[in-house]
Amino acid sequence: MKSDITKNQIVLPIKGNRYVSIIQNDKDYPYDNLGTSYGNYGDKVEIAILDSDFNYLDDGTFEYGVKPWLTTRELSVELLKLIGD
């Protein structure tokens, strides 16, 4: 049985008609489509900027639109930056 690749993903709206995707690593994550999410299960997350059609958006916020390997503390700092202003 193939896992649902979005089961560990949260997508939140941010300013500019964009979204931020937060993906937690999963032990059976298939490593295609929605980012890489390497690392120990539950240890790190990856965030990405998405456009209004939920496609990766390389708008300069993160390199290639993605910021991997974030701890909980790093994630909170990045989210505060995205929702600030």
N, C-alpha and C. Protein backbone atom coordinates (compact mmCIF):
# COMPACT_ATOMS: atom_id res chain seq x y z
N MET A 1 0.84 -1.17 0.00
CA MET A 1 0.00 0.00 0.00
C MET A 1 0.89 1.25 0.00
N LYS A 2 0.68 2.14 -0.95
CA LYS A 2 1.47 3.36 -1.05
C LYS A 2 0.93 4.41 -0.07
N SER A 3 1.85 5.11 0.59
CA SER A 3 1.43 6.13 1.56
C SER A 3 0.94 7.38 0.85
N ASP A 4 0.11 8.14 1.53
CA ASP A 4 -0.35 9.43 1.04
C ASP A 4 0.77 10.44 1.27
N ILE A 5 1.36 10.97 0.20
CA ILE A 5 2.54 11.82 0.35
C ILE A 5 2.24 13.16 0.99
N THR A 6 0.97 13.51 1.12
CA THR A 6 0.64 14.78 1.75
C THR A 6 0.21 14.61 3.20
N LYS A 7 0.28 13.42 3.76
CA LYS A 7 -0.24 13.22 5.12
C LYS A 7 0.56 13.97 6.17
N ASN A 8 1.79 14.33 5.89
CA ASN A 8 2.60 15.09 6.84
C ASN A 8 2.84 16.50 6.34
N GLN A 9 1.92 17.03 5.55
CA GLN A 9 2.07 18.36 4.97
C GLN A 9 0.98 19.29 5.48
N ILE A 10 1.39 20.52 5.80
CA ILE A 10 0.46 21.59 6.15
C ILE A 10 0.71 22.72 5.17
N VAL A 11 -0.34 23.29 4.62
CA VAL A 11 -0.22 24.42 3.71
C VAL A 11 -1.01 25.58 4.30
N LEU A 12 -0.31 26.72 4.48
CA LEU A 12 -0.92 27.90 5.08
C LEU A 12 -0.83 29.09 4.13
N PRO A 13 -1.88 29.91 4.05
CA PRO A 13 -1.80 31.10 3.21
C PRO A 13 -0.89 32.15 3.84
N ILE A 14 -0.14 32.85 3.00
CA ILE A 14 0.69 33.97 3.43
C ILE A 14 0.42 35.14 2.48
N LYS A 15 1.02 36.27 2.77
CA LYS A 15 0.77 37.47 1.96
C LYS A 15 1.19 37.27 0.50
N GLY A 16 0.58 38.07 -0.36
CA GLY A 16 0.95 38.05 -1.77
C GLY A 16 0.33 36.91 -2.55
N ASN A 17 -0.81 36.40 -2.13
CA ASN A 17 -1.48 35.28 -2.81
C ASN A 17 -0.54 34.08 -2.96
N ARG A 18 0.24 33.83 -1.91
CA ARG A 18 1.17 32.71 -1.86
C ARG A 18 0.83 31.83 -0.67
N TYR A 19 1.48 30.69 -0.61
CA TYR A 19 1.28 29.74 0.47
C TYR A 19 2.63 29.24 0.95
N VAL A 20 2.67 28.81 2.20
CA VAL A 20 3.87 28.15 2.70
C VAL A 20 3.47 26.69 2.98
N SER A 21 4.28 25.78 2.49
CA SER A 21 4.09 24.35 2.70
C SER A 21 5.10 23.89 3.74
N ILE A 22 4.62 23.16 4.73
CA ILE A 22 5.48 22.59 5.77
C ILE A 22 5.32 21.08 5.69
N ILE A 23 6.44 20.39 5.47
CA ILE A 23 6.41 18.93 5.36
C ILE A 23 7.33 18.32 6.41
N GLN A 24 6.79 17.41 7.19
CA GLN A 24 7.60 16.67 8.16
C GLN A 24 8.02 15.36 7.53
N ASN A 25 9.26 14.98 7.77
CA ASN A 25 9.76 13.73 7.24
C ASN A 25 8.89 12.57 7.72
N ASP A 26 8.73 11.60 6.86
CA ASP A 26 7.97 10.40 7.18
C ASP A 26 8.83 9.20 6.79
N LYS A 27 8.81 8.18 7.59
CA LYS A 27 9.68 7.03 7.32
C LYS A 27 9.39 6.34 6.00
N ASP A 28 8.16 6.48 5.47
CA ASP A 28 7.86 5.85 4.18
C ASP A 28 7.59 6.88 3.09
N TYR A 29 8.13 8.10 3.25
CA TYR A 29 7.94 9.16 2.27
C TYR A 29 8.63 8.78 0.96
N PRO A 30 7.96 8.91 -0.19
CA PRO A 30 8.52 8.41 -1.45
C PRO A 30 9.58 9.30 -2.10
N TYR A 31 9.95 10.44 -1.53
CA TYR A 31 11.03 11.30 -2.03
C TYR A 31 10.85 11.79 -3.46
N ASP A 32 9.63 11.88 -3.94
CA ASP A 32 9.40 12.53 -5.22
C ASP A 32 8.20 13.45 -5.08
N ASN A 33 8.08 14.37 -5.95
CA ASN A 33 7.01 15.36 -5.99
C ASN A 33 7.16 16.46 -4.96
N LEU A 34 6.83 16.23 -3.70
CA LEU A 34 6.70 17.31 -2.73
C LEU A 34 7.92 17.53 -1.88
N GLY A 35 9.09 17.60 -2.46
CA GLY A 35 10.29 17.92 -1.69
C GLY A 35 11.06 16.69 -1.27
N THR A 36 12.11 16.92 -0.52
CA THR A 36 12.99 15.82 -0.17
C THR A 36 12.75 15.30 1.24
N SER A 37 12.70 16.17 2.22
CA SER A 37 12.42 15.79 3.60
C SER A 37 13.32 14.68 4.12
N TYR A 38 14.61 14.77 3.85
CA TYR A 38 15.54 13.78 4.36
C TYR A 38 15.78 14.00 5.84
N GLY A 39 16.33 13.03 6.50
CA GLY A 39 16.66 13.16 7.92
C GLY A 39 15.93 12.14 8.75
N ASN A 40 16.09 12.23 10.03
CA ASN A 40 15.41 11.31 10.92
C ASN A 40 13.94 11.64 11.00
N TYR A 41 13.13 10.63 11.09
CA TYR A 41 11.68 10.82 11.15
C TYR A 41 11.29 11.78 12.27
N GLY A 42 10.57 12.81 11.92
CA GLY A 42 10.07 13.76 12.91
C GLY A 42 11.10 14.74 13.42
N ASP A 43 12.34 14.64 12.97
CA ASP A 43 13.41 15.47 13.49
C ASP A 43 13.46 16.83 12.81
N LYS A 44 13.27 16.88 11.53
CA LYS A 44 13.39 18.12 10.75
C LYS A 44 12.17 18.28 9.86
N VAL A 45 11.97 19.51 9.40
CA VAL A 45 10.91 19.77 8.43
C VAL A 45 11.50 20.57 7.27
N GLU A 46 10.74 20.59 6.19
CA GLU A 46 11.09 21.39 5.02
C GLU A 46 9.95 22.36 4.78
N ILE A 47 10.28 23.61 4.46
CA ILE A 47 9.24 24.55 4.08
C ILE A 47 9.50 25.02 2.66
N ALA A 48 8.41 25.33 1.98
CA ALA A 48 8.50 25.79 0.59
C ALA A 48 7.44 26.85 0.36
N ILE A 49 7.71 27.72 -0.58
CA ILE A 49 6.75 28.73 -1.00
C ILE A 49 6.01 28.19 -2.21
N LEU A 50 4.69 28.29 -2.20
CA LEU A 50 3.84 27.82 -3.29
C LEU A 50 3.07 28.99 -3.87
N ASP A 51 2.76 28.90 -5.16
CA ASP A 51 1.93 29.93 -5.78
C ASP A 51 0.46 29.59 -5.56
N SER A 52 -0.43 30.36 -6.15
CA SER A 52 -1.87 30.16 -5.92
C SER A 52 -2.39 28.84 -6.50
N ASP A 53 -1.60 28.21 -7.38
CA ASP A 53 -1.96 26.89 -7.91
C ASP A 53 -1.24 25.77 -7.16
N PHE A 54 -0.58 26.11 -6.05
CA PHE A 54 0.15 25.17 -5.19
C PHE A 54 1.35 24.52 -5.88
N ASN A 55 1.99 25.29 -6.77
CA ASN A 55 3.25 24.87 -7.39
C ASN A 55 4.39 25.57 -6.69
N TYR A 56 5.56 24.94 -6.66
CA TYR A 56 6.73 25.60 -6.07
C TYR A 56 6.95 26.95 -6.72
N LEU A 57 7.29 27.94 -5.91
CA LEU A 57 7.50 29.29 -6.40
C LEU A 57 8.87 29.76 -5.94
N ASP A 58 9.76 29.96 -6.89
CA ASP A 58 11.09 30.46 -6.56
C ASP A 58 11.06 31.98 -6.66
N ASP A 59 10.53 32.62 -5.62
CA ASP A 59 10.36 34.07 -5.61
C ASP A 59 11.47 34.79 -4.87
N GLY A 60 12.53 34.07 -4.53
CA GLY A 60 13.64 34.67 -3.81
C GLY A 60 13.55 34.55 -2.30
N THR A 61 12.42 34.08 -1.79
CA THR A 61 12.27 33.90 -0.34
C THR A 61 13.27 32.87 0.17
N PHE A 62 13.34 31.74 -0.50
CA PHE A 62 14.29 30.68 -0.19
C PHE A 62 14.99 30.30 -1.49
N GLU A 63 16.18 29.73 -1.38
CA GLU A 63 16.86 29.27 -2.58
C GLU A 63 16.03 28.17 -3.24
N TYR A 64 15.69 28.36 -4.49
CA TYR A 64 14.85 27.45 -5.27
C TYR A 64 13.45 27.30 -4.67
N GLY A 65 13.03 28.22 -3.81
CA GLY A 65 11.68 28.17 -3.24
C GLY A 65 11.53 27.21 -2.07
N VAL A 66 12.63 26.57 -1.65
CA VAL A 66 12.56 25.56 -0.59
C VAL A 66 13.63 25.82 0.46
N LYS A 67 13.29 25.56 1.72
CA LYS A 67 14.28 25.63 2.78
C LYS A 67 14.17 24.33 3.59
N PRO A 68 15.15 23.42 3.42
CA PRO A 68 15.08 22.12 4.09
C PRO A 68 15.79 22.10 5.44
N TRP A 69 15.65 20.98 6.13
CA TRP A 69 16.41 20.65 7.34
C TRP A 69 16.15 21.60 8.51
N LEU A 70 14.95 22.10 8.69
CA LEU A 70 14.67 23.04 9.77
C LEU A 70 14.28 22.33 11.05
N THR A 71 14.82 22.81 12.15
CA THR A 71 14.37 22.35 13.47
C THR A 71 13.08 23.12 13.80
N THR A 72 12.44 22.77 14.88
CA THR A 72 11.22 23.46 15.29
C THR A 72 11.49 24.94 15.53
N ARG A 73 12.60 25.24 16.16
CA ARG A 73 12.94 26.64 16.43
C ARG A 73 13.18 27.41 15.13
N GLU A 74 13.92 26.82 14.20
CA GLU A 74 14.18 27.47 12.92
C GLU A 74 12.89 27.66 12.13
N LEU A 75 12.01 26.67 12.21
CA LEU A 75 10.72 26.78 11.53
C LEU A 75 9.93 27.96 12.07
N SER A 76 9.89 28.12 13.39
CA SER A 76 9.12 29.23 13.96
C SER A 76 9.70 30.58 13.55
N VAL A 77 11.01 30.69 13.46
CA VAL A 77 11.63 31.95 13.04
C VAL A 77 11.23 32.26 11.58
N GLU A 78 11.28 31.26 10.71
CA GLU A 78 10.94 31.46 9.31
C GLU A 78 9.46 31.82 9.15
N LEU A 79 8.59 31.17 9.92
CA LEU A 79 7.16 31.49 9.83
C LEU A 79 6.88 32.90 10.30
N LEU A 80 7.55 33.33 11.35
CA LEU A 80 7.37 34.71 11.82
C LEU A 80 7.80 35.72 10.74
N LYS A 81 8.87 35.41 10.02
CA LYS A 81 9.31 36.28 8.93
C LYS A 81 8.26 36.35 7.83
N LEU A 82 7.66 35.19 7.52
CA LEU A 82 6.69 35.12 6.42
C LEU A 82 5.38 35.82 6.75
N ILE A 83 4.95 35.76 8.00
CA ILE A 83 3.67 36.37 8.36
C ILE A 83 3.84 37.78 8.90
N GLY A 84 5.10 38.18 9.15
CA GLY A 84 5.37 39.54 9.66
C GLY A 84 5.08 40.59 8.60
N ASP A 85 5.41 41.80 8.91
CA ASP A 85 5.20 42.97 8.05
C ASP A 85 3.77 43.41 8.13
